[in-house]
All heavy atoms as atom14 arrays in JSON, in Angstrom:
{
  "sequence": "FHFYNGNMQAQMEAHHYCGHVNEDLIQCVIFDGNADDAKLMGVEYIVT",
  "atom14_mask": [
    [1, 1, 1, 1, 1, 1, 1, 1, 1, 1, 1, 0, 0, 0],
    [1, 1, 1, 1, 1, 1, 1, 1, 1, 1, 0, 0, 0, 0],
    [1, 1, 1, 1, 1, 1, 1, 1, 1, 1, 1, 0, 0, 0],
    [1, 1, 1, 1, 1, 1, 1, 1, 1, 1, 1, 1, 0, 0],
    [1, 1, 1, 1, 1, 1, 1, 1, 0, 0, 0, 0, 0, 0],
    [1, 1, 1, 1, 0, 0, 0, 0, 0, 0, 0, 0, 0, 0],
    [1, 1, 1, 1, 1, 1, 1, 1, 0, 0, 0, 0, 0, 0],
    [1, 1, 1, 1, 1, 1, 1, 1, 0, 0, 0, 0, 0, 0],
    [1, 1, 1, 1, 1, 1, 1, 1, 1, 0, 0, 0, 0, 0],
    [1, 1, 1, 1, 1, 0, 0, 0, 0, 0, 0, 0, 0, 0],
    [1, 1, 1, 1, 1, 1, 1, 1, 1, 0, 0, 0, 0, 0],
    [1, 1, 1, 1, 1, 1, 1, 1, 0, 0, 0, 0, 0, 0],
    [1, 1, 1, 1, 1, 1, 1, 1, 1, 0, 0, 0, 0, 0],
    [1, 1, 1, 1, 1, 0, 0, 0, 0, 0, 0, 0, 0, 0],
    [1, 1, 1, 1, 1, 1, 1, 1, 1, 1, 0, 0, 0, 0],
    [1, 1, 1, 1, 1, 1, 1, 1, 1, 1, 0, 0, 0, 0],
    [1, 1, 1, 1, 1, 1, 1, 1, 1, 1, 1, 1, 0, 0],
    [1, 1, 1, 1, 1, 1, 0, 0, 0, 0, 0, 0, 0, 0],
    [1, 1, 1, 1, 0, 0, 0, 0, 0, 0, 0, 0, 0, 0],
    [1, 1, 1, 1, 1, 1, 1, 1, 1, 1, 0, 0, 0, 0],
    [1, 1, 1, 1, 1, 1, 1, 0, 0, 0, 0, 0, 0, 0],
    [1, 1, 1, 1, 1, 1, 1, 1, 0, 0, 0, 0, 0, 0],
    [1, 1, 1, 1, 1, 1, 1, 1, 1, 0, 0, 0, 0, 0],
    [1, 1, 1, 1, 1, 1, 1, 1, 0, 0, 0, 0, 0, 0],
    [1, 1, 1, 1, 1, 1, 1, 1, 0, 0, 0, 0, 0, 0],
    [1, 1, 1, 1, 1, 1, 1, 1, 0, 0, 0, 0, 0, 0],
    [1, 1, 1, 1, 1, 1, 1, 1, 1, 0, 0, 0, 0, 0],
    [1, 1, 1, 1, 1, 1, 0, 0, 0, 0, 0, 0, 0, 0],
    [1, 1, 1, 1, 1, 1, 1, 0, 0, 0, 0, 0, 0, 0],
    [1, 1, 1, 1, 1, 1, 1, 1, 0, 0, 0, 0, 0, 0],
    [1, 1, 1, 1, 1, 1, 1, 1, 1, 1, 1, 0, 0, 0],
    [1, 1, 1, 1, 1, 1, 1, 1, 0, 0, 0, 0, 0, 0],
    [1, 1, 1, 1, 0, 0, 0, 0, 0, 0, 0, 0, 0, 0],
    [1, 1, 1, 1, 1, 1, 1, 1, 0, 0, 0, 0, 0, 0],
    [1, 1, 1, 1, 1, 0, 0, 0, 0, 0, 0, 0, 0, 0],
    [1, 1, 1, 1, 1, 1, 1, 1, 0, 0, 0, 0, 0, 0],
    [1, 1, 1, 1, 1, 1, 1, 1, 0, 0, 0, 0, 0, 0],
    [1, 1, 1, 1, 1, 0, 0, 0, 0, 0, 0, 0, 0, 0],
    [1, 1, 1, 1, 1, 1, 1, 1, 1, 0, 0, 0, 0, 0],
    [1, 1, 1, 1, 1, 1, 1, 1, 0, 0, 0, 0, 0, 0],
    [1, 1, 1, 1, 1, 1, 1, 1, 0, 0, 0, 0, 0, 0],
    [1, 1, 1, 1, 0, 0, 0, 0, 0, 0, 0, 0, 0, 0],
    [1, 1, 1, 1, 1, 1, 1, 0, 0, 0, 0, 0, 0, 0],
    [1, 1, 1, 1, 1, 1, 1, 1, 1, 0, 0, 0, 0, 0],
    [1, 1, 1, 1, 1, 1, 1, 1, 1, 1, 1, 1, 0, 0],
    [1, 1, 1, 1, 1, 1, 1, 1, 0, 0, 0, 0, 0, 0],
    [1, 1, 1, 1, 1, 1, 1, 0, 0, 0, 0, 0, 0, 0],
    [1, 1, 1, 1, 1, 1, 1, 0, 0, 0, 0, 0, 0, 0]
  ],
  "atom14_positions": [
    [[-66.71, -7.29, -130.05], [-66.74, -6.64, -131.36], [-65.5, -7.0, -132.17], [-64.4, -7.14, -131.61], [-66.84, -5.12, -131.21], [-68.02, -4.68, -130.4], [-67.91, -4.44, -129.04], [-69.27, -4.55, -130.99], [-68.99, -4.06, -128.29], [-70.38, -4.17, -130.25], [-70.24, -3.93, -128.88], [0.0, 0.0, 0.0], [0.0, 0.0, 0.0], [0.0, 0.0, 0.0]],
    [[-65.7, -7.14, -133.47], [-64.6, -7.43, -134.38], [-64.58, -6.41, -135.52], [-65.58, -5.72, -135.76], [-64.76, -8.82, -135.01], [-64.67, -9.95, -134.04], [-65.29, -11.16, -134.25], [-64.03, -10.07, -132.85], [-65.04, -11.97, -133.25], [-64.29, -11.32, -132.37], [0.0, 0.0, 0.0], [0.0, 0.0, 0.0], [0.0, 0.0, 0.0], [0.0, 0.0, 0.0]],
    [[-63.47, -6.36, -136.22], [-63.42, -5.63, -137.5], [-62.59, -6.44, -138.49], [-61.76, -7.27, -138.11], [-62.85, -4.21, -137.32], [-61.4, -4.15, -136.91], [-60.38, -4.13, -137.86], [-61.06, -4.08, -135.57], [-59.05, -4.04, -137.48], [-59.73, -3.99, -135.17], [-58.72, -3.97, -136.13], [0.0, 0.0, 0.0], [0.0, 0.0, 0.0], [0.0, 0.0, 0.0]],
    [[-62.86, -6.2, -139.77], [-62.15, -6.92, -140.82], [-60.69, -6.5, -140.86], [-60.39, -5.29, -140.88], [-62.79, -6.65, -142.19], [-64.16, -7.27, -142.36], [-65.31, -6.51, -142.15], [-64.3, -8.59, -142.74], [-66.57, -7.07, -142.31], [-65.55, -9.16, -142.9], [-66.68, -8.39, -142.69], [-67.93, -8.95, -142.83], [0.0, 0.0, 0.0], [0.0, 0.0, 0.0]],
    [[-59.79, -7.47, -140.86], [-58.38, -7.16, -140.92], [-58.09, -6.3, -142.15], [-58.38, -6.69, -143.27], [-57.57, -8.46, -141.0], [-56.09, -8.24, -140.73], [-55.69, -7.27, -140.1], [-55.27, -9.16, -141.21], [0.0, 0.0, 0.0], [0.0, 0.0, 0.0], [0.0, 0.0, 0.0], [0.0, 0.0, 0.0], [0.0, 0.0, 0.0], [0.0, 0.0, 0.0]],
    [[-57.55, -5.09, -141.93], [-57.27, -4.18, -143.02], [-58.36, -3.17, -143.28], [-58.2, -2.28, -144.11], [0.0, 0.0, 0.0], [0.0, 0.0, 0.0], [0.0, 0.0, 0.0], [0.0, 0.0, 0.0], [0.0, 0.0, 0.0], [0.0, 0.0, 0.0], [0.0, 0.0, 0.0], [0.0, 0.0, 0.0], [0.0, 0.0, 0.0], [0.0, 0.0, 0.0]],
    [[-59.49, -3.28, -142.59], [-60.59, -2.34, -142.78], [-61.3, -2.1, -141.45], [-62.33, -2.72, -141.16], [-61.57, -2.85, -143.83], [-62.71, -1.87, -144.09], [-62.68, -0.72, -143.64], [-63.72, -2.32, -144.82], [0.0, 0.0, 0.0], [0.0, 0.0, 0.0], [0.0, 0.0, 0.0], [0.0, 0.0, 0.0], [0.0, 0.0, 0.0], [0.0, 0.0, 0.0]],
    [[-60.76, -1.21, -140.64], [-61.31, -0.99, -139.32], [-62.7, -0.36, -139.35], [-63.45, -0.45, -138.37], [-60.37, -0.1, -138.49], [-60.79, 0.03, -137.04], [-59.69, 1.06, -136.08], [-58.29, -0.04, -135.93], [0.0, 0.0, 0.0], [0.0, 0.0, 0.0], [0.0, 0.0, 0.0], [0.0, 0.0, 0.0], [0.0, 0.0, 0.0], [0.0, 0.0, 0.0]],
    [[-63.08, 0.25, -140.45], [-64.41, 0.86, -140.53], [-65.51, -0.19, -140.64], [-66.68, 0.12, -140.38], [-64.47, 1.82, -141.73], [-63.42, 2.92, -141.69], [-63.4, 3.65, -140.36], [-64.44, 4.12, -139.88], [-62.23, 3.77, -139.76], [0.0, 0.0, 0.0], [0.0, 0.0, 0.0], [0.0, 0.0, 0.0], [0.0, 0.0, 0.0], [0.0, 0.0, 0.0]],
    [[-65.16, -1.4, -141.02], [-66.15, -2.48, -141.13], [-66.16, -3.24, -139.8], [-65.38, -4.16, -139.58], [-65.81, -3.41, -142.28], [0.0, 0.0, 0.0], [0.0, 0.0, 0.0], [0.0, 0.0, 0.0], [0.0, 0.0, 0.0], [0.0, 0.0, 0.0], [0.0, 0.0, 0.0], [0.0, 0.0, 0.0], [0.0, 0.0, 0.0], [0.0, 0.0, 0.0]],
    [[-67.05, -2.82, -138.91], [-67.1, -3.34, -137.54], [-68.45, -4.02, -137.29], [-69.45, -3.65, -137.89], [-66.94, -2.19, -136.54], [-65.74, -1.31, -136.79], [-65.67, -0.14, -135.82], [-66.44, -0.04, -134.86], [-64.72, 0.76, -136.06], [0.0, 0.0, 0.0], [0.0, 0.0, 0.0], [0.0, 0.0, 0.0], [0.0, 0.0, 0.0], [0.0, 0.0, 0.0]],
    [[-68.43, -4.99, -136.39], [-69.68, -5.68, -136.07], [-69.61, -6.31, -134.69], [-68.53, -6.57, -134.16], [-70.01, -6.74, -137.11], [-69.2, -8.02, -137.06], [-67.49, -7.8, -137.54], [-67.71, -7.23, -139.23], [0.0, 0.0, 0.0], [0.0, 0.0, 0.0], [0.0, 0.0, 0.0], [0.0, 0.0, 0.0], [0.0, 0.0, 0.0], [0.0, 0.0, 0.0]],
    [[-70.79, -6.53, -134.12], [-70.92, -7.24, -132.85], [-70.79, -8.73, -133.11], [-71.23, -9.24, -134.15], [-72.27, -6.92, -132.23], [-72.5, -7.5, -130.85], [-73.84, -7.09, -130.25], [-74.56, -6.26, -130.88], [-74.18, -7.62, -129.18], [0.0, 0.0, 0.0], [0.0, 0.0, 0.0], [0.0, 0.0, 0.0], [0.0, 0.0, 0.0], [0.0, 0.0, 0.0]],
    [[-70.2, -9.43, -132.14], [-69.99, -10.87, -132.3], [-70.37, -11.58, -131.0], [-69.84, -11.28, -129.94], [-68.53, -11.15, -132.64], [0.0, 0.0, 0.0], [0.0, 0.0, 0.0], [0.0, 0.0, 0.0], [0.0, 0.0, 0.0], [0.0, 0.0, 0.0], [0.0, 0.0, 0.0], [0.0, 0.0, 0.0], [0.0, 0.0, 0.0], [0.0, 0.0, 0.0]],
    [[-71.3, -12.52, -131.12], [-71.79, -13.28, -129.97], [-71.03, -14.61, -129.93], [-71.2, -15.45, -130.81], [-73.29, -13.52, -130.1], [-74.08, -12.25, -130.19], [-74.73, -11.69, -129.1], [-74.32, -11.41, -131.24], [-75.33, -10.57, -129.47], [-75.11, -10.38, -130.76], [0.0, 0.0, 0.0], [0.0, 0.0, 0.0], [0.0, 0.0, 0.0], [0.0, 0.0, 0.0]],
    [[-70.19, -14.78, -128.91], [-69.32, -15.94, -128.78], [-69.93, -16.96, -127.81], [-70.32, -16.59, -126.7], [-67.96, -15.55, -128.23], [-67.2, -14.54, -129.02], [-67.65, -13.26, -129.25], [-65.97, -14.61, -129.61], [-66.75, -12.6, -129.96], [-65.73, -13.39, -130.18], [0.0, 0.0, 0.0], [0.0, 0.0, 0.0], [0.0, 0.0, 0.0], [0.0, 0.0, 0.0]],
    [[-69.92, -18.23, -128.2], [-70.28, -19.32, -127.31], [-69.07, -20.23, -127.22], [-68.67, -20.84, -128.21], [-71.52, -20.05, -127.83], [-72.73, -19.14, -127.82], [-73.0, -18.28, -128.88], [-73.57, -19.08, -126.7], [-74.08, -17.4, -128.84], [-74.66, -18.21, -126.66], [-74.9, -17.38, -127.74], [-75.97, -16.51, -127.7], [0.0, 0.0, 0.0], [0.0, 0.0, 0.0]],
    [[-68.46, -20.3, -126.03], [-67.11, -20.82, -125.88], [-67.02, -21.94, -124.86], [-67.85, -22.05, -123.95], [-66.16, -19.7, -125.45], [-66.17, -18.24, -126.52], [0.0, 0.0, 0.0], [0.0, 0.0, 0.0], [0.0, 0.0, 0.0], [0.0, 0.0, 0.0], [0.0, 0.0, 0.0], [0.0, 0.0, 0.0], [0.0, 0.0, 0.0], [0.0, 0.0, 0.0]],
    [[-65.96, -22.73, -124.99], [-65.65, -23.76, -124.01], [-64.18, -24.1, -124.06], [-63.51, -23.92, -125.08], [0.0, 0.0, 0.0], [0.0, 0.0, 0.0], [0.0, 0.0, 0.0], [0.0, 0.0, 0.0], [0.0, 0.0, 0.0], [0.0, 0.0, 0.0], [0.0, 0.0, 0.0], [0.0, 0.0, 0.0], [0.0, 0.0, 0.0], [0.0, 0.0, 0.0]],
    [[-63.67, -24.57, -122.94], [-62.26, -24.97, -122.85], [-62.02, -26.3, -123.56], [-62.78, -27.26, -123.36], [-61.85, -25.13, -121.39], [-61.43, -23.86, -120.74], [-62.32, -22.97, -120.19], [-60.19, -23.32, -120.55], [-61.67, -21.94, -119.67], [-60.36, -22.13, -119.87], [0.0, 0.0, 0.0], [0.0, 0.0, 0.0], [0.0, 0.0, 0.0], [0.0, 0.0, 0.0]],
    [[-60.96, -26.35, -124.36], [-60.41, -27.62, -124.85], [-59.48, -28.16, -123.77], [-59.48, -29.34, -123.44], [-59.67, -27.42, -126.18], [-59.0, -28.73, -126.61], [-60.63, -26.93, -127.26], [0.0, 0.0, 0.0], [0.0, 0.0, 0.0], [0.0, 0.0, 0.0], [0.0, 0.0, 0.0], [0.0, 0.0, 0.0], [0.0, 0.0, 0.0], [0.0, 0.0, 0.0]],
    [[-58.64, -27.26, -123.24], [-57.84, -27.53, -122.06], [-57.55, -26.19, -121.39], [-58.13, -25.17, -121.79], [-56.56, -28.31, -122.4], [-55.71, -27.6, -123.45], [-55.47, -26.39, -123.37], [-55.26, -28.34, -124.45], [0.0, 0.0, 0.0], [0.0, 0.0, 0.0], [0.0, 0.0, 0.0], [0.0, 0.0, 0.0], [0.0, 0.0, 0.0], [0.0, 0.0, 0.0]],
    [[-56.67, -26.15, -120.41], [-56.45, -24.93, -119.66], [-55.85, -23.81, -120.51], [-55.97, -22.63, -120.16], [-55.54, -25.21, -118.46], [-55.47, -24.09, -117.45], [-56.81, -23.77, -116.78], [-57.7, -24.64, -116.77], [-56.96, -22.64, -116.29], [0.0, 0.0, 0.0], [0.0, 0.0, 0.0], [0.0, 0.0, 0.0], [0.0, 0.0, 0.0], [0.0, 0.0, 0.0]],
    [[-55.24, -24.16, -121.64], [-54.55, -23.16, -122.46], [-55.21, -22.91, -123.81], [-54.7, -22.11, -124.6], [-53.09, -23.59, -122.68], [-52.29, -23.6, -121.4], [-51.97, -22.5, -120.9], [-52.01, -24.69, -120.89], [0.0, 0.0, 0.0], [0.0, 0.0, 0.0], [0.0, 0.0, 0.0], [0.0, 0.0, 0.0], [0.0, 0.0, 0.0], [0.0, 0.0, 0.0]],
    [[-56.31, -23.58, -124.09], [-56.96, -23.44, -125.4], [-58.47, -23.41, -125.22], [-59.05, -24.28, -124.59], [-56.57, -24.6, -126.31], [-57.27, -24.69, -127.67], [-56.99, -23.46, -128.52], [-56.84, -25.95, -128.41], [0.0, 0.0, 0.0], [0.0, 0.0, 0.0], [0.0, 0.0, 0.0], [0.0, 0.0, 0.0], [0.0, 0.0, 0.0], [0.0, 0.0, 0.0]],
    [[-59.09, -22.38, -125.79], [-60.54, -22.2, -125.78], [-61.01, -22.14, -127.23], [-60.33, -21.58, -128.09], [-60.92, -20.89, -125.06], [-60.48, -20.94, -123.58], [-62.42, -20.62, -125.14], [-60.58, -19.59, -122.88], [0.0, 0.0, 0.0], [0.0, 0.0, 0.0], [0.0, 0.0, 0.0], [0.0, 0.0, 0.0], [0.0, 0.0, 0.0], [0.0, 0.0, 0.0]],
    [[-62.16, -22.73, -127.5], [-62.74, -22.63, -128.84], [-64.14, -22.04, -128.73], [-64.88, -22.33, -127.81], [-62.77, -24.0, -129.53], [-63.53, -25.09, -128.79], [-63.4, -26.44, -129.47], [-62.75, -26.58, -130.51], [-64.03, -27.46, -128.9], [0.0, 0.0, 0.0], [0.0, 0.0, 0.0], [0.0, 0.0, 0.0], [0.0, 0.0, 0.0], [0.0, 0.0, 0.0]],
    [[-64.46, -21.19, -129.71], [-65.74, -20.48, -129.71], [-66.39, -20.55, -131.08], [-65.71, -20.47, -132.11], [-65.54, -19.0, -129.36], [-64.63, -18.66, -127.84], [0.0, 0.0, 0.0], [0.0, 0.0, 0.0], [0.0, 0.0, 0.0], [0.0, 0.0, 0.0], [0.0, 0.0, 0.0], [0.0, 0.0, 0.0], [0.0, 0.0, 0.0], [0.0, 0.0, 0.0]],
    [[-67.71, -20.68, -131.08], [-68.48, -20.45, -132.3], [-69.1, -19.07, -132.17], [-69.46, -18.64, -131.07], [-69.56, -21.52, -132.53], [-68.91, -22.85, -132.85], [-70.46, -21.66, -131.32], [0.0, 0.0, 0.0], [0.0, 0.0, 0.0], [0.0, 0.0, 0.0], [0.0, 0.0, 0.0], [0.0, 0.0, 0.0], [0.0, 0.0, 0.0], [0.0, 0.0, 0.0]],
    [[-69.23, -18.36, -133.27], [-69.65, -16.96, -133.25], [-70.92, -16.8, -134.08], [-70.99, -17.24, -135.23], [-68.55, -16.04, -133.81], [-67.25, -16.26, -133.04], [-68.97, -14.58, -133.73], [-66.07, -15.53, -133.64], [0.0, 0.0, 0.0], [0.0, 0.0, 0.0], [0.0, 0.0, 0.0], [0.0, 0.0, 0.0], [0.0, 0.0, 0.0], [0.0, 0.0, 0.0]],
    [[-71.91, -16.15, -133.47], [-73.18, -15.89, -134.14], [-73.4, -14.38, -134.27], [-72.78, -13.58, -133.57], [-74.33, -16.5, -133.34], [-74.38, -17.99, -133.38], [-73.6, -18.75, -132.51], [-75.2, -18.66, -134.27], [-73.64, -20.14, -132.53], [-75.25, -20.04, -134.31], [-74.47, -20.79, -133.43], [0.0, 0.0, 0.0], [0.0, 0.0, 0.0], [0.0, 0.0, 0.0]],
    [[-74.32, -14.01, -135.17], [-74.63, -12.59, -135.36], [-75.76, -12.13, -134.44], [-76.23, -11.0, -134.55], [-74.97, -12.28, -136.82], [-76.29, -12.9, -137.28], [-76.82, -13.79, -136.58], [-76.79, -12.49, -138.35], [0.0, 0.0, 0.0], [0.0, 0.0, 0.0], [0.0, 0.0, 0.0], [0.0, 0.0, 0.0], [0.0, 0.0, 0.0], [0.0, 0.0, 0.0]],
    [[-76.2, -12.98, -133.54], [-77.23, -12.62, -132.58], [-77.28, -13.68, -131.49], [-76.5, -14.64, -131.5], [0.0, 0.0, 0.0], [0.0, 0.0, 0.0], [0.0, 0.0, 0.0], [0.0, 0.0, 0.0], [0.0, 0.0, 0.0], [0.0, 0.0, 0.0], [0.0, 0.0, 0.0], [0.0, 0.0, 0.0], [0.0, 0.0, 0.0], [0.0, 0.0, 0.0]],
    [[-78.2, -13.49, -130.54], [-78.35, -14.49, -129.49], [-79.77, -15.02, -129.41], [-80.15, -15.65, -128.42], [-77.9, -13.93, -128.13], [-78.68, -12.7, -127.71], [-79.81, -12.47, -128.14], [-78.07, -11.87, -126.87], [0.0, 0.0, 0.0], [0.0, 0.0, 0.0], [0.0, 0.0, 0.0], [0.0, 0.0, 0.0], [0.0, 0.0, 0.0], [0.0, 0.0, 0.0]],
    [[-80.56, -14.76, -130.44], [-81.93, -15.3, -130.53], [-81.92, -16.57, -131.37], [-80.89, -16.95, -131.93], [-82.87, -14.25, -131.13], [0.0, 0.0, 0.0], [0.0, 0.0, 0.0], [0.0, 0.0, 0.0], [0.0, 0.0, 0.0], [0.0, 0.0, 0.0], [0.0, 0.0, 0.0], [0.0, 0.0, 0.0], [0.0, 0.0, 0.0], [0.0, 0.0, 0.0]],
    [[-83.08, -17.22, -131.47], [-83.09, -18.5, -132.16], [-82.97, -18.38, -133.68], [-82.87, -19.39, -134.38], [-84.34, -19.32, -131.79], [-85.64, -18.58, -132.08], [-85.6, -17.52, -132.73], [-86.7, -19.07, -131.65], [0.0, 0.0, 0.0], [0.0, 0.0, 0.0], [0.0, 0.0, 0.0], [0.0, 0.0, 0.0], [0.0, 0.0, 0.0], [0.0, 0.0, 0.0]],
    [[-82.95, -17.15, -134.19], [-82.73, -16.97, -135.63], [-81.28, -16.6, -135.94], [-80.95, -16.24, -137.07], [-83.66, -15.89, -136.19], [-83.36, -14.49, -135.64], [-82.63, -14.39, -134.63], [-83.85, -13.5, -136.24], [0.0, 0.0, 0.0], [0.0, 0.0, 0.0], [0.0, 0.0, 0.0], [0.0, 0.0, 0.0], [0.0, 0.0, 0.0], [0.0, 0.0, 0.0]],
    [[-80.39, -16.68, -134.96], [-78.99, -16.27, -135.14], [-78.31, -17.11, -136.21], [-78.56, -18.31, -136.35], [-78.24, -16.38, -133.82], [0.0, 0.0, 0.0], [0.0, 0.0, 0.0], [0.0, 0.0, 0.0], [0.0, 0.0, 0.0], [0.0, 0.0, 0.0], [0.0, 0.0, 0.0], [0.0, 0.0, 0.0], [0.0, 0.0, 0.0], [0.0, 0.0, 0.0]],
    [[-77.42, -16.46, -136.96], [-76.66, -17.13, -138.01], [-75.24, -17.37, -137.53], [-74.6, -16.48, -136.98], [-76.64, -16.27, -139.28], [-78.01, -15.79, -139.76], [-78.98, -16.93, -139.98], [-80.32, -16.45, -140.52], [-81.04, -15.56, -139.59], [0.0, 0.0, 0.0], [0.0, 0.0, 0.0], [0.0, 0.0, 0.0], [0.0, 0.0, 0.0], [0.0, 0.0, 0.0]],
    [[-74.77, -18.59, -137.76], [-73.39, -18.94, -137.43], [-72.47, -18.2, -138.38], [-72.48, -18.46, -139.59], [-73.19, -20.45, -137.55], [-71.79, -20.99, -137.35], [-71.27, -20.68, -135.95], [-71.76, -22.49, -137.6], [0.0, 0.0, 0.0], [0.0, 0.0, 0.0], [0.0, 0.0, 0.0], [0.0, 0.0, 0.0], [0.0, 0.0, 0.0], [0.0, 0.0, 0.0]],
    [[-71.69, -17.25, -137.88], [-70.89, -16.43, -138.79], [-69.38, -16.62, -138.64], [-68.61, -16.03, -139.4], [-71.24, -14.95, -138.66], [-70.87, -14.29, -137.37], [-71.31, -12.52, -137.46], [-70.56, -11.92, -135.95], [0.0, 0.0, 0.0], [0.0, 0.0, 0.0], [0.0, 0.0, 0.0], [0.0, 0.0, 0.0], [0.0, 0.0, 0.0], [0.0, 0.0, 0.0]],
    [[-68.94, -17.46, -137.71], [-67.5, -17.67, -137.65], [-67.06, -18.47, -136.46], [-67.87, -19.02, -135.7], [0.0, 0.0, 0.0], [0.0, 0.0, 0.0], [0.0, 0.0, 0.0], [0.0, 0.0, 0.0], [0.0, 0.0, 0.0], [0.0, 0.0, 0.0], [0.0, 0.0, 0.0], [0.0, 0.0, 0.0], [0.0, 0.0, 0.0], [0.0, 0.0, 0.0]],
    [[-65.74, -18.54, -136.31], [-65.13, -19.26, -135.19], [-63.97, -18.43, -134.65], [-63.38, -17.62, -135.36], [-64.61, -20.65, -135.6], [-65.75, -21.56, -136.05], [-63.55, -20.53, -136.7], [0.0, 0.0, 0.0], [0.0, 0.0, 0.0], [0.0, 0.0, 0.0], [0.0, 0.0, 0.0], [0.0, 0.0, 0.0], [0.0, 0.0, 0.0], [0.0, 0.0, 0.0]],
    [[-63.67, -18.65, -133.37], [-62.5, -18.04, -132.78], [-61.8, -19.07, -131.9], [-62.44, -19.77, -131.13], [-62.84, -16.8, -131.95], [-61.6, -16.17, -131.3], [-61.82, -14.77, -130.76], [-62.95, -14.25, -130.87], [-60.86, -14.18, -130.22], [0.0, 0.0, 0.0], [0.0, 0.0, 0.0], [0.0, 0.0, 0.0], [0.0, 0.0, 0.0], [0.0, 0.0, 0.0]],
    [[-60.47, -19.13, -132.05], [-59.63, -19.95, -131.19], [-58.84, -19.02, -130.29], [-58.29, -18.02, -130.76], [-58.7, -20.82, -132.04], [-59.45, -21.73, -132.98], [-59.59, -21.4, -134.33], [-60.05, -22.9, -132.52], [-60.3, -22.22, -135.19], [-60.77, -23.72, -133.37], [-60.89, -23.38, -134.71], [-61.6, -24.18, -135.56], [0.0, 0.0, 0.0], [0.0, 0.0, 0.0]],
    [[-58.8, -19.34, -129.02], [-58.14, -18.48, -128.03], [-57.07, -19.29, -127.32], [-57.35, -20.39, -126.82], [-59.16, -17.93, -127.03], [-60.22, -17.08, -127.76], [-58.48, -17.12, -125.94], [-61.37, -16.64, -126.87], [0.0, 0.0, 0.0], [0.0, 0.0, 0.0], [0.0, 0.0, 0.0], [0.0, 0.0, 0.0], [0.0, 0.0, 0.0], [0.0, 0.0, 0.0]],
    [[-55.85, -18.75, -127.26], [-54.74, -19.44, -126.59], [-54.13, -18.54, -125.52], [-54.19, -17.31, -125.61], [-53.65, -19.88, -127.58], [-54.19, -20.89, -128.57], [-53.03, -18.69, -128.3], [0.0, 0.0, 0.0], [0.0, 0.0, 0.0], [0.0, 0.0, 0.0], [0.0, 0.0, 0.0], [0.0, 0.0, 0.0], [0.0, 0.0, 0.0], [0.0, 0.0, 0.0]],
    [[-53.54, -19.17, -124.53], [-52.84, -18.42, -123.49], [-51.52, -17.89, -124.05], [-51.03, -18.33, -125.1], [-52.55, -19.32, -122.29], [-51.76, -20.45, -122.72], [-53.84, -19.81, -121.65], [0.0, 0.0, 0.0], [0.0, 0.0, 0.0], [0.0, 0.0, 0.0], [0.0, 0.0, 0.0], [0.0, 0.0, 0.0], [0.0, 0.0, 0.0], [0.0, 0.0, 0.0]]
  ]
}
């Protein structure tokens, strides 16, 4: 789950599909669902 920075009341579920770039960096694409009609709604980069 995420919320908009500065507005915690605006919350939503986030479906992440992720993979390692290397041992210290992961990249994810984020959809608003997990069915075949899901919309690509963002990205997340994850670091150690």
